[in-house]
PDB file of N, CA and C in Angstrom:
ATOM      1  N   HIS A   1      33.666   3.717 -25.474  1.00  0.00           N
ATOM      2  CA  HIS A   1      34.958   2.672 -26.081  1.00  0.00           C
ATOM      3  C   HIS A   1      34.326   2.975 -27.277  1.00  0.00           C
ATOM      4  N   ASP A   2      33.524   2.906 -27.996  1.00  0.00           N
ATOM      5  CA  ASP A   2      33.456   3.200 -29.502  1.00  0.00           C
ATOM      6  C   ASP A   2      33.485   4.567 -29.879  1.00  0.00           C
ATOM      7  N   ALA A   3      33.698   5.990 -29.144  1.00  0.00           N
ATOM      8  CA  ALA A   3      34.194   7.180 -29.513  1.00  0.00           C
ATOM      9  C   ALA A   3      35.621   7.213 -29.322  1.00  0.00           C
ATOM     10  N   GLY A   4      36.276   6.176 -28.643  1.00  0.00           N
ATOM     11  CA  GLY A   4      38.168   6.119 -28.715  1.00  0.00           C
ATOM     12  C   GLY A   4      38.090   6.744 -27.507  1.00  0.00           C
ATOM     13  N   VAL A   5      37.349   6.843 -26.721  1.00  0.00           N
ATOM     14  CA  VAL A   5      37.732   7.603 -25.446  1.00  0.00           C
ATOM     15  C   VAL A   5      37.931   6.750 -24.312  1.00  0.00           C
ATOM     16  N   PRO A   6      39.251   7.247 -23.763  1.00  0.00           N
ATOM     17  CA  PRO A   6      39.921   6.000 -22.239  1.00  0.00           C
ATOM     18  C   PRO A   6      38.281   6.649 -21.680  1.00  0.00           C
ATOM     19  N   PHE A   7      38.213   5.182 -20.917  1.00  0.00           N
ATOM     20  CA  PHE A   7      37.102   5.459 -19.972  1.00  0.00           C
ATOM     21  C   PHE A   7      37.682   4.657 -18.274  1.00  0.00           C
ATOM     22  N   ALA A   8      37.843   4.408 -17.092  1.00  0.00           N
ATOM     23  CA  ALA A   8      37.739   3.748 -16.885  1.00  0.00           C
ATOM     24  C   ALA A   8      36.133   3.387 -15.286  1.00  0.00           C
ATOM     25  N   ILE A   9      36.273   2.017 -15.246  1.00  0.00           N
ATOM     26  CA  ILE A   9      35.476   1.799 -13.895  1.00  0.00           C
ATOM     27  C   ILE A   9      35.480   1.964 -12.799  1.00  0.00           C
ATOM     28  N   ALA A  10      35.066   2.889 -11.647  1.00  0.00           N
ATOM     29  CA  ALA A  10      35.368   2.921 -10.547  1.00  0.00           C
ATOM     30  C   ALA A  10      34.501   2.535  -9.209  1.00  0.00           C
ATOM     31  N   SER A  11      34.755   2.439  -8.071  1.00  0.00           N
ATOM     32  CA  SER A  11      34.111   2.141  -7.095  1.00  0.00           C
ATOM     33  C   SER A  11      33.637   3.032  -6.510  1.00  0.00           C
ATOM     34  N   GLY A  12      35.156   3.992  -6.855  1.00  0.00           N
ATOM     35  CA  GLY A  12      34.481   5.524  -5.533  1.00  0.00           C
ATOM     36  C   GLY A  12      35.535   5.589  -4.317  1.00  0.00           C
ATOM     37  N   ASN A  13      35.525   4.401  -3.752  1.00  0.00           N
ATOM     38  CA  ASN A  13      36.136   3.842  -2.980  1.00  0.00           C
ATOM     39  C   ASN A  13      36.607   3.250  -2.741  1.00  0.00           C
ATOM     40  N   ALA A  14      37.557   2.778  -1.942  1.00  0.00           N
ATOM     41  CA  ALA A  14      39.415   1.410  -1.880  1.00  0.00           C
ATOM     42  C   ALA A  14      38.245   0.434  -0.988  1.00  0.00           C
ATOM     43  N   ARG A  15      37.296   0.618  -0.368  1.00  0.00           N
ATOM     44  CA  ARG A  15      37.324  -0.391   0.212  1.00  0.00           C
ATOM     45  C   ARG A  15      35.834  -0.897   0.036  1.00  0.00           C
ATOM     46  N   LEU A  16      35.343  -0.290  -1.295  1.00  0.00           N
ATOM     47  CA  LEU A  16      34.310  -0.965  -2.046  1.00  0.00           C
ATOM     48  C   LEU A  16      35.265  -1.804  -3.425  1.00  0.00           C
ATOM     49  N   SER A  17      36.275  -1.489  -3.608  1.00  0.00           N
ATOM     50  CA  SER A  17      36.735  -1.976  -4.747  1.00  0.00           C
ATOM     51  C   SER A  17      36.550  -3.219  -4.808  1.00  0.00           C
ATOM     52  N   ASN A  18      35.402  -4.473  -4.132  1.00  0.00           N
ATOM     53  CA  ASN A  18      35.638  -5.783  -4.532  1.00  0.00           C
ATOM     54  C   ASN A  18      34.233  -5.577  -5.610  1.00  0.00           C
ATOM     55  N   SER A  19      33.447  -4.517  -5.364  1.00  0.00           N
ATOM     56  CA  SER A  19      32.399  -3.965  -6.148  1.00  0.00           C
ATOM     57  C   SER A  19      32.729  -4.064  -7.791  1.00  0.00           C
ATOM     58  N   LEU A  20      34.076  -4.100  -8.356  1.00  0.00           N
ATOM     59  CA  LEU A  20      34.890  -3.981  -9.529  1.00  0.00           C
ATOM     60  C   LEU A  20      33.914  -4.771 -10.684  1.00  0.00           C
ATOM     61  N   PRO A  21      33.990  -5.894 -10.208  1.00  0.00           N
ATOM     62  CA  PRO A  21      33.696  -6.537 -10.895  1.00  0.00           C
ATOM     63  C   PRO A  21      32.457  -6.552 -11.448  1.00  0.00           C
ATOM     64  N   LEU A  22      31.563  -6.278 -10.227  1.00  0.00           N
ATOM     65  CA  LEU A  22      29.987  -5.939 -10.484  1.00  0.00           C
ATOM     66  C   LEU A  22      29.606  -5.231 -11.356  1.00  0.00           C
ATOM     67  N   LEU A  23      30.187  -3.764 -10.781  1.00  0.00           N
ATOM     68  CA  LEU A  23      30.346  -2.959 -12.221  1.00  0.00           C
ATOM     69  C   LEU A  23      30.850  -2.987 -13.475  1.00  0.00           C
ATOM     70  N   ALA A  24      31.598  -3.502 -13.077  1.00  0.00           N
ATOM     71  CA  ALA A  24      31.531  -3.878 -14.364  1.00  0.00           C
ATOM     72  C   ALA A  24      30.918  -4.820 -15.371  1.00  0.00           C
ATOM     73  N   ALA A  25      30.536  -5.780 -14.846  1.00  0.00           N
ATOM     74  CA  ALA A  25      29.397  -6.571 -15.133  1.00  0.00           C
ATOM     75  C   ALA A  25      27.948  -5.951 -15.308  1.00  0.00           C
ATOM     76  N   ALA A  26      27.779  -5.292 -15.278  1.00  0.00           N
ATOM     77  CA  ALA A  26      26.472  -3.890 -15.066  1.00  0.00           C
ATOM     78  C   ALA A  26      27.116  -3.261 -16.841  1.00  0.00           C
ATOM     79  N   ALA A  27      28.325  -3.077 -17.089  1.00  0.00           N
ATOM     80  CA  ALA A  27      28.590  -2.180 -18.374  1.00  0.00           C
ATOM     81  C   ALA A  27      28.391  -2.763 -19.213  1.00  0.00           C
ATOM     82  N   ILE A  28      28.720  -4.448 -19.111  1.00  0.00           N
ATOM     83  CA  ILE A  28      28.831  -6.256 -20.235  1.00  0.00           C
ATOM     84  C   ILE A  28      27.090  -5.878 -20.606  1.00  0.00           C
ATOM     85  N   GLY A  29      26.238  -5.644 -19.446  1.00  0.00           N
ATOM     86  CA  GLY A  29      24.782  -5.996 -19.974  1.00  0.00           C
ATOM     87  C   GLY A  29      24.342  -4.757 -20.293  1.00  0.00           C
ATOM     88  N   ALA A  30      25.554  -3.848 -20.035  1.00  0.00           N
ATOM     89  CA  ALA A  30      24.278  -2.593 -20.761  1.00  0.00           C
ATOM     90  C   ALA A  30      25.221  -2.803 -22.348  1.00  0.00           C
ATOM     91  N   GLY A  31      25.864  -3.166 -23.010  1.00  0.00           N
ATOM     92  CA  GLY A  31      26.575  -3.775 -24.088  1.00  0.00           C
ATOM     93  C   GLY A  31      28.045  -3.210 -24.062  1.00  0.00           C
ATOM     94  N   LEU A  32      29.028  -3.049 -23.398  1.00  0.00           N
ATOM     95  CA  LEU A  32      30.592  -3.368 -23.342  1.00  0.00           C
ATOM     96  C   LEU A  32      31.377  -4.651 -23.263  1.00  0.00           C
ATOM     97  N   ASP A  33      31.819  -5.001 -24.273  1.00  0.00           N
ATOM     98  CA  ASP A  33      32.482  -6.058 -24.451  1.00  0.00           C
ATOM     99  C   ASP A  33      32.992  -6.678 -23.326  1.00  0.00           C
ATOM    100  N   ALA A  34      33.096  -8.215 -22.716  1.00  0.00           N
ATOM    101  CA  ALA A  34      33.951  -8.538 -21.435  1.00  0.00           C
ATOM    102  C   ALA A  34      35.497  -7.622 -21.793  1.00  0.00           C
ATOM    103  N   GLU A  35      36.082  -7.857 -22.715  1.00  0.00           N
ATOM    104  CA  GLU A  35      37.230  -7.303 -22.661  1.00  0.00           C
ATOM    105  C   GLU A  35      37.637  -5.962 -22.347  1.00  0.00           C
ATOM    106  N   HIS A  36      36.402  -5.178 -22.971  1.00  0.00           N
ATOM    107  CA  HIS A  36      37.455  -3.624 -22.577  1.00  0.00           C
ATOM    108  C   HIS A  36      36.119  -3.449 -20.974  1.00  0.00           C
ATOM    109  N   ALA A  37      35.567  -4.011 -20.818  1.00  0.00           N
ATOM    110  CA  ALA A  37      35.284  -3.951 -19.124  1.00  0.00           C
ATOM    111  C   ALA A  37      36.194  -4.478 -18.373  1.00  0.00           C
ATOM    112  N   LEU A  38      37.188  -5.593 -18.854  1.00  0.00           N
ATOM    113  CA  LEU A  38      38.563  -5.903 -17.970  1.00  0.00           C
ATOM    114  C   LEU A  38      39.732  -5.095 -17.940  1.00  0.00           C
ATOM    115  N   ARG A  39      39.620  -4.083 -18.931  1.00  0.00           N
ATOM    116  CA  ARG A  39      40.790  -3.234 -19.459  1.00  0.00           C
ATOM    117  C   ARG A  39      40.032  -1.879 -18.499  1.00  0.00           C
ATOM    118  N   ALA A  40      39.195  -2.087 -18.284  1.00  0.00           N
ATOM    119  CA  ALA A  40      37.834  -0.567 -17.864  1.00  0.00           C
ATOM    120  C   ALA A  40      38.332  -0.233 -15.961  1.00  0.00           C
ATOM    121  N   ILE A  41      38.694  -1.711 -15.506  1.00  0.00           N
ATOM    122  CA  ILE A  41      38.478  -1.869 -14.129  1.00  0.00           C
ATOM    123  C   ILE A  41      40.494  -2.532 -13.555  1.00  0.00           C
ATOM    124  N   THR A  42      40.566  -2.341 -14.959  1.00  0.00           N
ATOM    125  CA  THR A  42      42.765  -2.526 -14.884  1.00  0.00           C
ATOM    126  C   THR A  42      43.629  -1.614 -15.040  1.00  0.00           C
ATOM    127  N   LEU A  43      43.775  -1.527 -16.901  1.00  0.00           N
ATOM    128  CA  LEU A  43      44.749  -1.246 -16.969  1.00  0.00           C
ATOM    129  C   LEU A  43      44.408   0.780 -17.655  1.00  0.00           C
ATOM    130  N   THR A  44      43.293   0.507 -17.869  1.00  0.00           N
ATOM    131  CA  THR A  44      42.654   2.403 -18.582  1.00  0.00           C
ATOM    132  C   THR A  44      43.208   2.659 -16.665  1.00  0.00           C
ATOM    133  N   PRO A  45      42.465   2.262 -16.094  1.00  0.00           N
ATOM    134  CA  PRO A  45      42.970   3.299 -14.617  1.00  0.00           C
ATOM    135  C   PRO A  45      44.108   3.318 -14.143  1.00  0.00           C
ATOM    136  N   ALA A  46      45.138   2.411 -14.064  1.00  0.00           N
ATOM    137  CA  ALA A  46      46.629   2.592 -14.175  1.00  0.00           C
ATOM    138  C   ALA A  46      47.158   3.740 -15.451  1.00  0.00           C
ATOM    139  N   GLU A  47      46.552   3.625 -16.330  1.00  0.00           N
ATOM    140  CA  GLU A  47      47.036   4.778 -17.547  1.00  0.00           C
ATOM    141  C   GLU A  47      46.977   6.056 -16.931  1.00  0.00           C
ATOM    142  N   ILE A  48      45.763   5.857 -16.764  1.00  0.00           N
ATOM    143  CA  ILE A  48      45.135   7.736 -16.176  1.00  0.00           C
ATOM    144  C   ILE A  48      45.316   8.522 -14.793  1.00  0.00           C
ATOM    145  N   LEU A  49      46.142   7.170 -14.108  1.00  0.00           N
ATOM    146  CA  LEU A  49      46.702   7.645 -12.936  1.00  0.00           C
ATOM    147  C   LEU A  49      48.132   8.225 -13.140  1.00  0.00           C
ATOM    148  N   GLY A  50      48.369   7.888 -14.548  1.00  0.00           N
ATOM    149  CA  GLY A  50      49.990   7.722 -14.874  1.00  0.00           C
ATOM    150  C   GLY A  50      50.939   6.544 -13.576  1.00  0.00           C
ATOM    151  N   VAL A  51      50.177   5.549 -13.651  1.00  0.00           N
ATOM    152  CA  VAL A  51      51.127   4.290 -12.888  1.00  0.00           C
ATOM    153  C   VAL A  51      50.866   3.374 -13.930  1.00  0.00           C
ATOM    154  N   ALA A  52      50.586   3.264 -15.164  1.00  0.00           N
ATOM    155  CA  ALA A  52      50.763   1.514 -15.729  1.00  0.00           C
ATOM    156  C   ALA A  52      51.848   0.972 -16.153  1.00  0.00           C
ATOM    157  N   LYS A  53      53.438   2.004 -15.212  1.00  0.00           N
ATOM    158  CA  LYS A  53      54.159   1.150 -15.239  1.00  0.00           C
ATOM    159  C   LYS A  53      54.739   0.205 -14.209  1.00  0.00           C
ATOM    160  N   ASP A  54      53.677   0.230 -13.406  1.00  0.00           N
ATOM    161  CA  ASP A  54      54.466   0.228 -11.744  1.00  0.00           C
ATOM    162  C   ASP A  54      53.059  -1.597 -12.232  1.00  0.00           C
ATOM    163  N   THR A  55      51.645  -0.967 -12.406  1.00  0.00           N
ATOM    164  CA  THR A  55      50.313  -1.484 -12.272  1.00  0.00           C
ATOM    165  C   THR A  55      49.445  -1.481 -13.158  1.00  0.00           C
ATOM    166  N   GLY A  56      48.411  -2.486 -13.274  1.00  0.00           N
ATOM    167  CA  GLY A  56      47.591  -2.406 -14.056  1.00  0.00           C
ATOM    168  C   GLY A  56      47.484  -3.602 -15.220  1.00  0.00           C
ATOM    169  N   SER A  57      49.131  -4.324 -15.220  1.00  0.00           N
ATOM    170  CA  SER A  57      48.284  -5.120 -15.701  1.00  0.00           C
ATOM    171  C   SER A  57      49.608  -6.409 -15.407  1.00  0.00           C
ATOM    172  N   LEU A  58      49.133  -8.238 -15.880  1.00  0.00           N
ATOM    173  CA  LEU A  58      50.182  -8.626 -15.586  1.00  0.00           C
ATOM    174  C   LEU A  58      51.664  -8.798 -16.397  1.00  0.00           C
ATOM    175  N   GLN A  59      52.376  -8.025 -16.262  1.00  0.00           N
ATOM    176  CA  GLN A  59      54.024  -8.353 -16.602  1.00  0.00           C
ATOM    177  C   GLN A  59      54.709  -8.389 -15.647  1.00  0.00           C
ATOM    178  N   LYS A  60      56.239  -8.803 -15.973  1.00  0.00           N
ATOM    179  CA  LYS A  60      57.354  -8.924 -15.325  1.00  0.00           C
ATOM    180  C   LYS A  60      57.724  -7.639 -14.891  1.00  0.00           C
ATOM    181  N   ASP A  61      57.662  -7.634 -13.185  1.00  0.00           N
ATOM    182  CA  ASP A  61      58.474  -6.138 -12.131  1.00  0.00           C
ATOM    183  C   ASP A  61      57.025  -5.475 -12.297  1.00  0.00           C
ATOM    184  N   LYS A  62      55.728  -6.041 -12.491  1.00  0.00           N
ATOM    185  CA  LYS A  62      54.630  -4.958 -12.337  1.00  0.00           C
ATOM    186  C   LYS A  62      54.299  -5.574 -10.980  1.00  0.00           C
ATOM    187  N   PHE A  63      53.611  -4.585 -10.050  1.00  0.00           N
ATOM    188  CA  PHE A  63      52.939  -5.128  -8.959  1.00  0.00           C
ATOM    189  C   PHE A  63      51.976  -5.343  -9.506  1.00  0.00           C
ATOM    190  N   ALA A  64      51.091  -6.670  -8.657  1.00  0.00           N
ATOM    191  CA  ALA A  64      49.626  -7.486  -9.517  1.00  0.00           C
ATOM    192  C   ALA A  64      48.703  -8.117  -8.311  1.00  0.00           C
ATOM    193  N   ASP A  65      47.749  -7.966  -8.204  1.00  0.00           N
ATOM    194  CA  ASP A  65      47.404  -9.260  -7.538  1.00  0.00           C
ATOM    195  C   ASP A  65      46.831  -9.559  -7.790  1.00  0.00           C
ATOM    196  N   VAL A  66      46.237 -11.045  -7.941  1.00  0.00           N
ATOM    197  CA  VAL A  66      45.536 -12.338  -8.844  1.00  0.00           C
ATOM    198  C   VAL A  66      44.478 -12.988  -9.046  1.00  0.00           C
ATOM    199  N   LEU A  67      43.530 -12.781  -9.615  1.00  0.00           N
ATOM    200  CA  LEU A  67      42.283 -13.165  -8.960  1.00  0.00           C
ATOM    201  C   LEU A  67      42.101 -14.371  -9.767  1.00  0.00           C
ATOM    202  N   VAL A  68      41.770 -15.528  -8.775  1.00  0.00           N
ATOM    203  CA  VAL A  68      41.329 -16.880  -9.897  1.00  0.00           C
ATOM    204  C   VAL A  68      40.028 -17.275  -9.746  1.00  0.00           C
ATOM    205  N   THR A  69      38.948 -17.175 -10.351  1.00  0.00           N
ATOM    206  CA  THR A  69      37.733 -17.608 -10.302  1.00  0.00           C
ATOM    207  C   THR A  69      37.676 -18.746 -10.921  1.00  0.00           C
ATOM    208  N   ASP A  70      36.267 -19.659 -10.712  1.00  0.00           N
ATOM    209  CA  ASP A  70      36.224 -20.621 -10.921  1.00  0.00           C
ATOM    210  C   ASP A  70      35.063 -21.147 -12.446  1.00  0.00           C
ATOM    211  N   ARG A  71      34.527 -19.614 -13.035  1.00  0.00           N
ATOM    212  CA  ARG A  71      33.618 -18.957 -14.319  1.00  0.00           C
ATOM    213  C   ARG A  71      34.083 -17.984 -15.002  1.00  0.00           C
ATOM    214  N   PRO A  72      33.667 -17.289 -15.864  1.00  0.00           N
ATOM    215  CA  PRO A  72      34.552 -16.085 -16.303  1.00  0.00           C
ATOM    216  C   PRO A  72      34.140 -15.002 -14.871  1.00  0.00           C
ATOM    217  N   LEU A  73      35.057 -14.647 -14.982  1.00  0.00           N
ATOM    218  CA  LEU A  73      34.919 -13.208 -13.787  1.00  0.00           C
ATOM    219  C   LEU A  73      33.924 -12.852 -14.295  1.00  0.00           C
ATOM    220  N   PHE A  74      33.271 -12.117 -15.403  1.00  0.00           N
ATOM    221  CA  PHE A  74      31.725 -11.367 -15.165  1.00  0.00           C
ATOM    222  C   PHE A  74      30.832 -12.167 -15.524  1.00  0.00           C
ATOM    223  N   ALA A  75      30.571 -13.504 -15.376  1.00  0.00           N
ATOM    224  CA  ALA A  75      29.621 -14.900 -14.681  1.00  0.00           C
ATOM    225  C   ALA A  75      29.085 -14.614 -13.854  1.00  0.00           C
ATOM    226  N   SER A  76      27.789 -14.245 -13.492  1.00  0.00           N
ATOM    227  CA  SER A  76      26.665 -14.166 -12.177  1.00  0.00           C
ATOM    228  C   SER A  76      27.110 -14.641 -11.618  1.00  0.00           C
ATOM    229  N   ASP A  77      27.549 -16.614 -11.436  1.00  0.00           N
ATOM    230  CA  ASP A  77      27.859 -17.073 -10.534  1.00  0.00           C
ATOM    231  C   ASP A  77      28.867 -17.452 -10.488  1.00  0.00           C
ATOM    232  N   SER A  78      30.291 -16.926 -10.876  1.00  0.00           N
ATOM    233  CA  SER A  78      31.291 -17.241 -10.512  1.00  0.00           C
ATOM    234  C   SER A  78      31.864 -16.283  -9.486  1.00  0.00           C
ATOM    235  N   ARG A  79      32.725 -17.866  -8.779  1.00  0.00           N
ATOM    236  CA  ARG A  79      32.702 -17.654  -7.246  1.00  0.00           C
ATOM    237  C   ARG A  79      34.263 -17.390  -7.961  1.00  0.00           C
ATOM    238  N   VAL A  80      35.410 -16.981  -6.676  1.00  0.00           N
ATOM    239  CA  VAL A  80      36.609 -16.384  -6.102  1.00  0.00           C
ATOM    240  C   VAL A  80      37.178 -17.928  -5.995  1.00  0.00           C
ATOM    241  N   LEU A  81      37.964 -18.440  -6.014  1.00  0.00           N
ATOM    242  CA  LEU A  81      39.024 -19.607  -5.176  1.00  0.00           C
ATOM    243  C   LEU A  81      40.363 -19.280  -4.976  1.00  0.00           C
ATOM    244  N   LEU A  82      41.024 -18.468  -5.433  1.00  0.00           N
ATOM    245  CA  LEU A  82      42.317 -17.866  -4.675  1.00  0.00           C
ATOM    246  C   LEU A  82      42.169 -16.793  -5.043  1.00  0.00           C
ATOM    247  N   VAL A  83      43.302 -16.187  -4.500  1.00  0.00           N
ATOM    248  CA  VAL A  83      43.899 -14.725  -4.431  1.00  0.00           C
ATOM    249  C   VAL A  83      44.933 -14.919  -3.997  1.00  0.00           C
ATOM    250  N   LEU A  84      46.073 -13.620  -5.107  1.00  0.00           N
ATOM    251  CA  LEU A  84      47.399 -14.059  -5.127  1.00  0.00           C
ATOM    252  C   LEU A  84      47.583 -12.637  -4.840  1.00  0.00           C
ATOM    253  N   GLN A  85      48.023 -12.324  -3.251  1.00  0.00           N
ATOM    254  CA  GLN A  85      48.059 -11.232  -3.363  1.00  0.00           C
ATOM    255  C   GLN A  85      50.164 -10.703  -2.957  1.00  0.00           C
ATOM    256  N   LYS A  86      50.671 -10.055  -3.501  1.00  0.00           N
ATOM    257  CA  LYS A  86      52.322  -9.416  -3.289  1.00  0.00           C
ATOM    258  C   LYS A  86      52.919 -10.870  -2.840  1.00  0.00           C
ATOM    259  N   GLY A  87      52.391 -12.118  -3.968  1.00  0.00           N
ATOM    260  CA  GLY A  87      53.099 -13.229  -4.283  1.00  0.00           C
ATOM    261  C   GLY A  87      52.362 -13.917  -3.453  1.00  0.00           C
ATOM    262  N   LYS A  88      51.532 -14.428  -2.474  1.00  0.00           N
ATOM    263  CA  LYS A  88      50.860 -14.447  -0.860  1.00  0.00           C
ATOM    264  C   LYS A  88      49.668 -14.893  -1.734  1.00  0.00           C
ATOM    265  N   THR A  89      48.946 -16.648  -0.977  1.00  0.00           N
ATOM    266  CA  THR A  89      47.310 -16.632  -1.242  1.00  0.00           C
ATOM    267  C   THR A  89      46.816 -15.985  -0.129  1.00  0.00           C
TER     268      THR A  89
END
């Protein structure tokens, strides 16, 4: 990030996508700030894949899943309270 190079954090497998917050938290532990870690698992991958017009951020008319947690997403004791997928819980 400091060099200005776009990068994404990826699980390498759709079945392991639930590990993305953990992977981002590890990057934070290595010095990446939380804002850039969040972007590295959301908008930047969409930009790299060329689908950012449809997904990757919360904007009108984009596809999005929303995750609600009881603490900051990357906190070790953060728990998922709600997931909205395609507008449904």
